[in-house]
Amino acid sequence: AGLGGAGLPQADLCREAGVGPAVIKTLVAQGVLAEGEVPRDLP
C-alpha cells in the first residue's frame, strides 16, 4: 500500500515485510496478490 500501486520482487517484499516466501505464495493463491512480468526499466 505504501508503494501506491507499484509492485516488488518477491525477495524484496519478503525483506521489507519481514515474512517468509510461504506467506506471499498463500496470498497469491488466494488472489490477494498477483504476480506478473513487467519491463525491468520502469518509469
All heavy atoms as atom14 arrays in JSON, in Angstrom:
{
  "sequence": "AGLGGAGLPQADLCREAGVGPAVIKTLVAQGVLAEGEVPRDLP",
  "atom14_mask": [
    [1, 1, 1, 1, 1, 0, 0, 0, 0, 0, 0, 0, 0, 0],
    [1, 1, 1, 1, 0, 0, 0, 0, 0, 0, 0, 0, 0, 0],
    [1, 1, 1, 1, 1, 1, 1, 1, 0, 0, 0, 0, 0, 0],
    [1, 1, 1, 1, 0, 0, 0, 0, 0, 0, 0, 0, 0, 0],
    [1, 1, 1, 1, 0, 0, 0, 0, 0, 0, 0, 0, 0, 0],
    [1, 1, 1, 1, 1, 0, 0, 0, 0, 0, 0, 0, 0, 0],
    [1, 1, 1, 1, 0, 0, 0, 0, 0, 0, 0, 0, 0, 0],
    [1, 1, 1, 1, 1, 1, 1, 1, 0, 0, 0, 0, 0, 0],
    [1, 1, 1, 1, 1, 1, 1, 0, 0, 0, 0, 0, 0, 0],
    [1, 1, 1, 1, 1, 1, 1, 1, 1, 0, 0, 0, 0, 0],
    [1, 1, 1, 1, 1, 0, 0, 0, 0, 0, 0, 0, 0, 0],
    [1, 1, 1, 1, 1, 1, 1, 1, 0, 0, 0, 0, 0, 0],
    [1, 1, 1, 1, 1, 1, 1, 1, 0, 0, 0, 0, 0, 0],
    [1, 1, 1, 1, 1, 1, 0, 0, 0, 0, 0, 0, 0, 0],
    [1, 1, 1, 1, 1, 1, 1, 1, 1, 1, 1, 0, 0, 0],
    [1, 1, 1, 1, 1, 1, 1, 1, 1, 0, 0, 0, 0, 0],
    [1, 1, 1, 1, 1, 0, 0, 0, 0, 0, 0, 0, 0, 0],
    [1, 1, 1, 1, 0, 0, 0, 0, 0, 0, 0, 0, 0, 0],
    [1, 1, 1, 1, 1, 1, 1, 0, 0, 0, 0, 0, 0, 0],
    [1, 1, 1, 1, 0, 0, 0, 0, 0, 0, 0, 0, 0, 0],
    [1, 1, 1, 1, 1, 1, 1, 0, 0, 0, 0, 0, 0, 0],
    [1, 1, 1, 1, 1, 0, 0, 0, 0, 0, 0, 0, 0, 0],
    [1, 1, 1, 1, 1, 1, 1, 0, 0, 0, 0, 0, 0, 0],
    [1, 1, 1, 1, 1, 1, 1, 1, 0, 0, 0, 0, 0, 0],
    [1, 1, 1, 1, 1, 1, 1, 1, 1, 0, 0, 0, 0, 0],
    [1, 1, 1, 1, 1, 1, 1, 0, 0, 0, 0, 0, 0, 0],
    [1, 1, 1, 1, 1, 1, 1, 1, 0, 0, 0, 0, 0, 0],
    [1, 1, 1, 1, 1, 1, 1, 0, 0, 0, 0, 0, 0, 0],
    [1, 1, 1, 1, 1, 0, 0, 0, 0, 0, 0, 0, 0, 0],
    [1, 1, 1, 1, 1, 1, 1, 1, 1, 0, 0, 0, 0, 0],
    [1, 1, 1, 1, 0, 0, 0, 0, 0, 0, 0, 0, 0, 0],
    [1, 1, 1, 1, 1, 1, 1, 0, 0, 0, 0, 0, 0, 0],
    [1, 1, 1, 1, 1, 1, 1, 1, 0, 0, 0, 0, 0, 0],
    [1, 1, 1, 1, 1, 0, 0, 0, 0, 0, 0, 0, 0, 0],
    [1, 1, 1, 1, 1, 1, 1, 1, 1, 0, 0, 0, 0, 0],
    [1, 1, 1, 1, 0, 0, 0, 0, 0, 0, 0, 0, 0, 0],
    [1, 1, 1, 1, 1, 1, 1, 1, 1, 0, 0, 0, 0, 0],
    [1, 1, 1, 1, 1, 1, 1, 0, 0, 0, 0, 0, 0, 0],
    [1, 1, 1, 1, 1, 1, 1, 0, 0, 0, 0, 0, 0, 0],
    [1, 1, 1, 1, 1, 1, 1, 1, 1, 1, 1, 0, 0, 0],
    [1, 1, 1, 1, 1, 1, 1, 1, 0, 0, 0, 0, 0, 0],
    [1, 1, 1, 1, 1, 1, 1, 1, 0, 0, 0, 0, 0, 0],
    [1, 1, 1, 1, 1, 1, 1, 0, 0, 0, 0, 0, 0, 0]
  ],
  "atom14_positions": [
    [[0.83, -1.21, 0.0], [0.0, 0.0, 0.0], [0.86, 1.26, 0.0], [0.52, 2.27, -0.61], [-0.93, 0.0, 1.21], [0.0, 0.0, 0.0], [0.0, 0.0, 0.0], [0.0, 0.0, 0.0], [0.0, 0.0, 0.0], [0.0, 0.0, 0.0], [0.0, 0.0, 0.0], [0.0, 0.0, 0.0], [0.0, 0.0, 0.0], [0.0, 0.0, 0.0]],
    [[2.0, 1.18, 0.67], [2.9, 2.32, 0.72], [3.57, 2.63, -0.6], [4.16, 3.7, -0.77], [0.0, 0.0, 0.0], [0.0, 0.0, 0.0], [0.0, 0.0, 0.0], [0.0, 0.0, 0.0], [0.0, 0.0, 0.0], [0.0, 0.0, 0.0], [0.0, 0.0, 0.0], [0.0, 0.0, 0.0], [0.0, 0.0, 0.0], [0.0, 0.0, 0.0]],
    [[3.49, 1.72, -1.55], [4.11, 1.93, -2.87], [3.16, 2.58, -3.86], [3.53, 2.82, -5.01], [4.61, 0.59, -3.44], [5.68, -0.13, -2.63], [6.01, -1.48, -3.26], [6.94, 0.72, -2.53], [0.0, 0.0, 0.0], [0.0, 0.0, 0.0], [0.0, 0.0, 0.0], [0.0, 0.0, 0.0], [0.0, 0.0, 0.0], [0.0, 0.0, 0.0]],
    [[1.92, 2.82, -3.43], [0.98, 3.5, -4.31], [0.6, 2.72, -5.54], [0.41, 3.29, -6.61], [0.0, 0.0, 0.0], [0.0, 0.0, 0.0], [0.0, 0.0, 0.0], [0.0, 0.0, 0.0], [0.0, 0.0, 0.0], [0.0, 0.0, 0.0], [0.0, 0.0, 0.0], [0.0, 0.0, 0.0], [0.0, 0.0, 0.0], [0.0, 0.0, 0.0]],
    [[0.49, 1.41, -5.43], [0.1, 0.57, -6.56], [1.26, -0.07, -7.29], [1.04, -0.93, -8.15], [0.0, 0.0, 0.0], [0.0, 0.0, 0.0], [0.0, 0.0, 0.0], [0.0, 0.0, 0.0], [0.0, 0.0, 0.0], [0.0, 0.0, 0.0], [0.0, 0.0, 0.0], [0.0, 0.0, 0.0], [0.0, 0.0, 0.0], [0.0, 0.0, 0.0]],
    [[2.48, 0.3, -6.96], [3.64, -0.34, -7.58], [3.87, -1.7, -6.95], [3.29, -2.04, -5.92], [4.87, 0.55, -7.42], [0.0, 0.0, 0.0], [0.0, 0.0, 0.0], [0.0, 0.0, 0.0], [0.0, 0.0, 0.0], [0.0, 0.0, 0.0], [0.0, 0.0, 0.0], [0.0, 0.0, 0.0], [0.0, 0.0, 0.0], [0.0, 0.0, 0.0]],
    [[4.7, -2.49, -7.58], [4.99, -3.82, -7.07], [6.42, -3.98, -6.64], [7.25, -3.09, -6.82], [0.0, 0.0, 0.0], [0.0, 0.0, 0.0], [0.0, 0.0, 0.0], [0.0, 0.0, 0.0], [0.0, 0.0, 0.0], [0.0, 0.0, 0.0], [0.0, 0.0, 0.0], [0.0, 0.0, 0.0], [0.0, 0.0, 0.0], [0.0, 0.0, 0.0]],
    [[6.73, -5.17, -6.08], [8.08, -5.5, -5.65], [8.39, -6.94, -6.03], [7.49, -7.78, -6.06], [8.2, -5.37, -4.12], [8.4, -3.99, -3.51], [8.41, -4.1, -1.98], [9.69, -3.35, -4.0], [0.0, 0.0, 0.0], [0.0, 0.0, 0.0], [0.0, 0.0, 0.0], [0.0, 0.0, 0.0], [0.0, 0.0, 0.0], [0.0, 0.0, 0.0]],
    [[9.66, -7.25, -6.31], [10.04, -8.65, -6.45], [9.78, -9.39, -5.13], [9.81, -8.78, -4.05], [11.55, -8.58, -6.75], [11.78, -7.2, -7.26], [10.8, -6.33, -6.56], [0.0, 0.0, 0.0], [0.0, 0.0, 0.0], [0.0, 0.0, 0.0], [0.0, 0.0, 0.0], [0.0, 0.0, 0.0], [0.0, 0.0, 0.0], [0.0, 0.0, 0.0]],
    [[9.56, -10.69, -5.22], [9.2, -11.45, -4.02], [10.26, -11.32, -2.93], [9.92, -11.14, -1.76], [9.0, -12.93, -4.37], [8.66, -13.79, -3.15], [8.35, -15.22, -3.52], [7.38, -15.47, -4.23], [9.17, -16.16, -3.05], [0.0, 0.0, 0.0], [0.0, 0.0, 0.0], [0.0, 0.0, 0.0], [0.0, 0.0, 0.0], [0.0, 0.0, 0.0]],
    [[11.53, -11.41, -3.29], [12.59, -11.34, -2.29], [12.57, -10.0, -1.56], [12.73, -9.93, -0.34], [13.95, -11.58, -2.94], [0.0, 0.0, 0.0], [0.0, 0.0, 0.0], [0.0, 0.0, 0.0], [0.0, 0.0, 0.0], [0.0, 0.0, 0.0], [0.0, 0.0, 0.0], [0.0, 0.0, 0.0], [0.0, 0.0, 0.0], [0.0, 0.0, 0.0]],
    [[12.36, -8.91, -2.32], [12.32, -7.59, -1.7], [11.1, -7.44, -0.81], [11.16, -6.84, 0.27], [12.32, -6.5, -2.77], [13.63, -6.46, -3.55], [14.6, -7.11, -3.11], [13.68, -5.77, -4.59], [0.0, 0.0, 0.0], [0.0, 0.0, 0.0], [0.0, 0.0, 0.0], [0.0, 0.0, 0.0], [0.0, 0.0, 0.0], [0.0, 0.0, 0.0]],
    [[9.97, -7.97, -1.27], [8.74, -7.87, -0.48], [8.88, -8.64, 0.83], [8.45, -8.17, 1.9], [7.56, -8.38, -1.3], [6.18, -8.3, -0.63], [5.86, -6.88, -0.18], [5.1, -8.81, -1.59], [0.0, 0.0, 0.0], [0.0, 0.0, 0.0], [0.0, 0.0, 0.0], [0.0, 0.0, 0.0], [0.0, 0.0, 0.0], [0.0, 0.0, 0.0]],
    [[9.49, -9.83, 0.77], [9.72, -10.6, 1.99], [10.61, -9.84, 2.97], [10.35, -9.8, 4.18], [10.36, -11.95, 1.65], [9.24, -13.12, 0.83], [0.0, 0.0, 0.0], [0.0, 0.0, 0.0], [0.0, 0.0, 0.0], [0.0, 0.0, 0.0], [0.0, 0.0, 0.0], [0.0, 0.0, 0.0], [0.0, 0.0, 0.0], [0.0, 0.0, 0.0]],
    [[11.64, -9.22, 2.44], [12.57, -8.49, 3.31], [11.9, -7.27, 3.92], [12.03, -7.01, 5.12], [13.8, -8.06, 2.51], [14.86, -7.37, 3.37], [16.1, -6.98, 2.57], [15.8, -5.98, 1.55], [15.76, -6.24, 0.25], [16.01, -7.46, -0.2], [15.48, -5.29, -0.62], [0.0, 0.0, 0.0], [0.0, 0.0, 0.0], [0.0, 0.0, 0.0]],
    [[11.15, -6.51, 3.12], [10.51, -5.3, 3.62], [9.44, -5.62, 4.66], [9.27, -4.88, 5.63], [9.89, -4.5, 2.47], [10.9, -3.92, 1.49], [11.71, -2.79, 2.11], [11.17, -2.1, 2.99], [12.88, -2.62, 1.72], [0.0, 0.0, 0.0], [0.0, 0.0, 0.0], [0.0, 0.0, 0.0], [0.0, 0.0, 0.0], [0.0, 0.0, 0.0]],
    [[8.71, -6.71, 4.45], [7.61, -7.06, 5.36], [8.06, -7.96, 6.5], [7.3, -8.17, 7.46], [6.48, -7.73, 4.57], [0.0, 0.0, 0.0], [0.0, 0.0, 0.0], [0.0, 0.0, 0.0], [0.0, 0.0, 0.0], [0.0, 0.0, 0.0], [0.0, 0.0, 0.0], [0.0, 0.0, 0.0], [0.0, 0.0, 0.0], [0.0, 0.0, 0.0]],
    [[9.27, -8.51, 6.39], [9.76, -9.41, 7.44], [9.0, -10.72, 7.49], [8.69, -11.23, 8.58], [0.0, 0.0, 0.0], [0.0, 0.0, 0.0], [0.0, 0.0, 0.0], [0.0, 0.0, 0.0], [0.0, 0.0, 0.0], [0.0, 0.0, 0.0], [0.0, 0.0, 0.0], [0.0, 0.0, 0.0], [0.0, 0.0, 0.0], [0.0, 0.0, 0.0]],
    [[8.7, -11.29, 6.31], [7.96, -12.55, 6.24], [8.71, -13.53, 5.35], [9.65, -13.15, 4.63], [6.53, -12.33, 5.7], [5.75, -11.35, 6.56], [6.57, -11.85, 4.24], [0.0, 0.0, 0.0], [0.0, 0.0, 0.0], [0.0, 0.0, 0.0], [0.0, 0.0, 0.0], [0.0, 0.0, 0.0], [0.0, 0.0, 0.0], [0.0, 0.0, 0.0]],
    [[8.28, -14.79, 5.38], [8.86, -15.8, 4.53], [8.1, -15.94, 3.22], [6.98, -15.43, 3.07], [0.0, 0.0, 0.0], [0.0, 0.0, 0.0], [0.0, 0.0, 0.0], [0.0, 0.0, 0.0], [0.0, 0.0, 0.0], [0.0, 0.0, 0.0], [0.0, 0.0, 0.0], [0.0, 0.0, 0.0], [0.0, 0.0, 0.0], [0.0, 0.0, 0.0]],
    [[8.69, -16.64, 2.23], [8.05, -16.8, 0.93], [6.68, -17.48, 1.01], [5.81, -17.24, 0.17], [9.04, -17.65, 0.14], [10.36, -17.45, 0.82], [10.04, -17.24, 2.26], [0.0, 0.0, 0.0], [0.0, 0.0, 0.0], [0.0, 0.0, 0.0], [0.0, 0.0, 0.0], [0.0, 0.0, 0.0], [0.0, 0.0, 0.0], [0.0, 0.0, 0.0]],
    [[6.48, -18.33, 2.02], [5.2, -19.05, 2.13], [4.04, -18.1, 2.3], [2.93, -18.35, 1.78], [5.27, -20.04, 3.29], [0.0, 0.0, 0.0], [0.0, 0.0, 0.0], [0.0, 0.0, 0.0], [0.0, 0.0, 0.0], [0.0, 0.0, 0.0], [0.0, 0.0, 0.0], [0.0, 0.0, 0.0], [0.0, 0.0, 0.0], [0.0, 0.0, 0.0]],
    [[4.24, -17.02, 3.03], [3.16, -16.04, 3.24], [2.76, -15.42, 1.9], [1.56, -15.27, 1.6], [3.62, -14.94, 4.23], [2.54, -13.87, 4.38], [3.96, -15.55, 5.57], [0.0, 0.0, 0.0], [0.0, 0.0, 0.0], [0.0, 0.0, 0.0], [0.0, 0.0, 0.0], [0.0, 0.0, 0.0], [0.0, 0.0, 0.0], [0.0, 0.0, 0.0]],
    [[3.76, -15.08, 1.08], [3.49, -14.46, -0.22], [2.75, -15.45, -1.12], [1.75, -15.1, -1.77], [4.8, -14.01, -0.89], [5.62, -13.11, 0.05], [4.51, -13.31, -2.2], [4.94, -11.83, 0.43], [0.0, 0.0, 0.0], [0.0, 0.0, 0.0], [0.0, 0.0, 0.0], [0.0, 0.0, 0.0], [0.0, 0.0, 0.0], [0.0, 0.0, 0.0]],
    [[3.23, -16.7, -1.17], [2.6, -17.7, -2.04], [1.15, -17.96, -1.66], [0.29, -18.14, -2.52], [3.41, -18.99, -1.99], [4.8, -18.86, -2.63], [5.6, -20.16, -2.5], [6.98, -20.01, -3.14], [7.81, -21.23, -2.99], [0.0, 0.0, 0.0], [0.0, 0.0, 0.0], [0.0, 0.0, 0.0], [0.0, 0.0, 0.0], [0.0, 0.0, 0.0]],
    [[0.86, -17.95, -0.36], [-0.52, -18.16, 0.09], [-1.42, -17.03, -0.38], [-2.55, -17.26, -0.86], [-0.57, -18.27, 1.62], [0.23, -19.38, 2.03], [-2.0, -18.45, 2.11], [0.0, 0.0, 0.0], [0.0, 0.0, 0.0], [0.0, 0.0, 0.0], [0.0, 0.0, 0.0], [0.0, 0.0, 0.0], [0.0, 0.0, 0.0], [0.0, 0.0, 0.0]],
    [[-0.95, -15.8, -0.26], [-1.75, -14.65, -0.69], [-1.94, -14.62, -2.2], [-2.98, -14.19, -2.7], [-1.08, -13.36, -0.2], [-1.11, -13.12, 1.32], [-0.29, -11.9, 1.68], [-2.55, -12.97, 1.81], [0.0, 0.0, 0.0], [0.0, 0.0, 0.0], [0.0, 0.0, 0.0], [0.0, 0.0, 0.0], [0.0, 0.0, 0.0], [0.0, 0.0, 0.0]],
    [[-0.93, -15.1, -2.93], [-1.09, -15.2, -4.39], [-2.15, -16.24, -4.73], [-3.02, -16.03, -5.59], [0.25, -15.55, -5.06], [0.05, -15.89, -6.54], [1.23, -14.39, -4.93], [0.0, 0.0, 0.0], [0.0, 0.0, 0.0], [0.0, 0.0, 0.0], [0.0, 0.0, 0.0], [0.0, 0.0, 0.0], [0.0, 0.0, 0.0], [0.0, 0.0, 0.0]],
    [[-2.11, -17.37, -4.04], [-3.08, -18.44, -4.28], [-4.51, -17.98, -3.97], [-5.47, -18.42, -4.62], [-2.72, -19.67, -3.44], [0.0, 0.0, 0.0], [0.0, 0.0, 0.0], [0.0, 0.0, 0.0], [0.0, 0.0, 0.0], [0.0, 0.0, 0.0], [0.0, 0.0, 0.0], [0.0, 0.0, 0.0], [0.0, 0.0, 0.0], [0.0, 0.0, 0.0]],
    [[-4.66, -17.09, -2.98], [-5.98, -16.59, -2.61], [-6.45, -15.44, -3.51], [-7.58, -14.97, -3.37], [-5.97, -16.1, -1.16], [-5.76, -17.21, -0.13], [-5.71, -16.67, 1.28], [-5.89, -15.48, 1.51], [-5.47, -17.56, 2.25], [0.0, 0.0, 0.0], [0.0, 0.0, 0.0], [0.0, 0.0, 0.0], [0.0, 0.0, 0.0], [0.0, 0.0, 0.0]],
    [[-5.59, -14.98, -4.41], [-5.95, -13.86, -5.29], [-5.78, -12.5, -4.65], [-6.17, -11.48, -5.23], [0.0, 0.0, 0.0], [0.0, 0.0, 0.0], [0.0, 0.0, 0.0], [0.0, 0.0, 0.0], [0.0, 0.0, 0.0], [0.0, 0.0, 0.0], [0.0, 0.0, 0.0], [0.0, 0.0, 0.0], [0.0, 0.0, 0.0], [0.0, 0.0, 0.0]],
    [[-5.21, -12.47, -3.45], [-4.97, -11.19, -2.77], [-3.8, -10.47, -3.43], [-3.78, -9.25, -3.55], [-4.68, -11.42, -1.27], [-4.37, -10.11, -0.56], [-5.86, -12.13, -0.62], [0.0, 0.0, 0.0], [0.0, 0.0, 0.0], [0.0, 0.0, 0.0], [0.0, 0.0, 0.0], [0.0, 0.0, 0.0], [0.0, 0.0, 0.0], [0.0, 0.0, 0.0]],
    [[-2.83, -11.24, -3.87], [-1.68, -10.71, -4.59], [-1.64, -11.32, -5.98], [-2.13, -12.44, -6.19], [-0.36, -11.02, -3.87], [-0.21, -10.55, -2.43], [1.14, -10.96, -1.87], [-0.41, -9.05, -2.31], [0.0, 0.0, 0.0], [0.0, 0.0, 0.0], [0.0, 0.0, 0.0], [0.0, 0.0, 0.0], [0.0, 0.0, 0.0], [0.0, 0.0, 0.0]],
    [[-1.06, -10.59, -6.92], [-0.89, -11.1, -8.28], [0.57, -10.94, -8.67], [1.21, -9.93, -8.36], [-1.78, -10.35, -9.25], [0.0, 0.0, 0.0], [0.0, 0.0, 0.0], [0.0, 0.0, 0.0], [0.0, 0.0, 0.0], [0.0, 0.0, 0.0], [0.0, 0.0, 0.0], [0.0, 0.0, 0.0], [0.0, 0.0, 0.0], [0.0, 0.0, 0.0]],
    [[1.09, -11.94, -9.36], [2.48, -11.91, -9.81], [2.5, -11.84, -11.33], [1.77, -12.57, -12.01], [3.21, -13.17, -9.33], [4.7, -13.16, -9.62], [5.4, -14.37, -9.01], [4.7, -15.32, -8.63], [6.64, -14.34, -8.91], [0.0, 0.0, 0.0], [0.0, 0.0, 0.0], [0.0, 0.0, 0.0], [0.0, 0.0, 0.0], [0.0, 0.0, 0.0]],
    [[3.32, -10.94, -11.86], [3.39, -10.81, -13.3], [4.72, -10.24, -13.74], [5.49, -9.68, -12.94], [0.0, 0.0, 0.0], [0.0, 0.0, 0.0], [0.0, 0.0, 0.0], [0.0, 0.0, 0.0], [0.0, 0.0, 0.0], [0.0, 0.0, 0.0], [0.0, 0.0, 0.0], [0.0, 0.0, 0.0], [0.0, 0.0, 0.0], [0.0, 0.0, 0.0]],
    [[5.01, -10.37, -15.05], [6.25, -9.86, -15.61], [6.04, -8.43, -16.11], [5.03, -8.12, -16.75], [6.73, -10.75, -16.75], [7.35, -12.05, -16.29], [8.17, -12.71, -17.38], [7.96, -12.35, -18.56], [9.02, -13.55, -17.07], [0.0, 0.0, 0.0], [0.0, 0.0, 0.0], [0.0, 0.0, 0.0], [0.0, 0.0, 0.0], [0.0, 0.0, 0.0]],
    [[7.0, -7.59, -15.81], [6.99, -6.2, -16.27], [8.39, -5.86, -16.75], [9.36, -6.52, -16.37], [6.56, -5.24, -15.14], [5.15, -5.53, -14.66], [7.55, -5.31, -13.97], [0.0, 0.0, 0.0], [0.0, 0.0, 0.0], [0.0, 0.0, 0.0], [0.0, 0.0, 0.0], [0.0, 0.0, 0.0], [0.0, 0.0, 0.0], [0.0, 0.0, 0.0]],
    [[8.52, -4.86, -17.59], [9.87, -4.44, -18.0], [10.71, -4.06, -16.78], [10.22, -3.43, -15.84], [9.61, -3.24, -18.9], [8.2, -3.42, -19.38], [7.47, -4.08, -18.27], [0.0, 0.0, 0.0], [0.0, 0.0, 0.0], [0.0, 0.0, 0.0], [0.0, 0.0, 0.0], [0.0, 0.0, 0.0], [0.0, 0.0, 0.0], [0.0, 0.0, 0.0]],
    [[11.98, -4.44, -16.82], [12.85, -4.13, -15.69], [13.05, -2.62, -15.55], [13.13, -2.1, -14.43], [14.2, -4.81, -15.89], [15.2, -4.59, -14.76], [16.44, -5.43, -14.94], [16.13, -6.86, -14.81], [16.06, -7.5, -13.64], [16.26, -6.85, -12.51], [15.79, -8.79, -13.61], [0.0, 0.0, 0.0], [0.0, 0.0, 0.0], [0.0, 0.0, 0.0]],
    [[13.13, -1.91, -16.66], [13.35, -0.46, -16.61], [12.02, 0.27, -16.66], [11.54, 0.67, -17.73], [14.25, -0.03, -17.78], [15.61, -0.71, -17.72], [16.09, -0.96, -16.62], [16.18, -0.97, -18.8], [0.0, 0.0, 0.0], [0.0, 0.0, 0.0], [0.0, 0.0, 0.0], [0.0, 0.0, 0.0], [0.0, 0.0, 0.0], [0.0, 0.0, 0.0]],
    [[11.41, 0.44, -15.5], [10.1, 1.09, -15.41], [10.23, 2.59, -15.18], [11.23, 3.05, -14.61], [9.3, 0.48, -14.26], [8.79, -0.95, -14.45], [8.16, -1.45, -13.15], [7.77, -1.0, -15.59], [0.0, 0.0, 0.0], [0.0, 0.0, 0.0], [0.0, 0.0, 0.0], [0.0, 0.0, 0.0], [0.0, 0.0, 0.0], [0.0, 0.0, 0.0]],
    [[9.23, 3.36, -15.6], [9.24, 4.8, -15.26], [9.24, 5.0, -13.75], [8.77, 4.16, -12.98], [7.94, 5.31, -15.89], [7.61, 4.32, -16.96], [8.08, 3.0, -16.45], [0.0, 0.0, 0.0], [0.0, 0.0, 0.0], [0.0, 0.0, 0.0], [0.0, 0.0, 0.0], [0.0, 0.0, 0.0], [0.0, 0.0, 0.0], [0.0, 0.0, 0.0]]
  ]
}
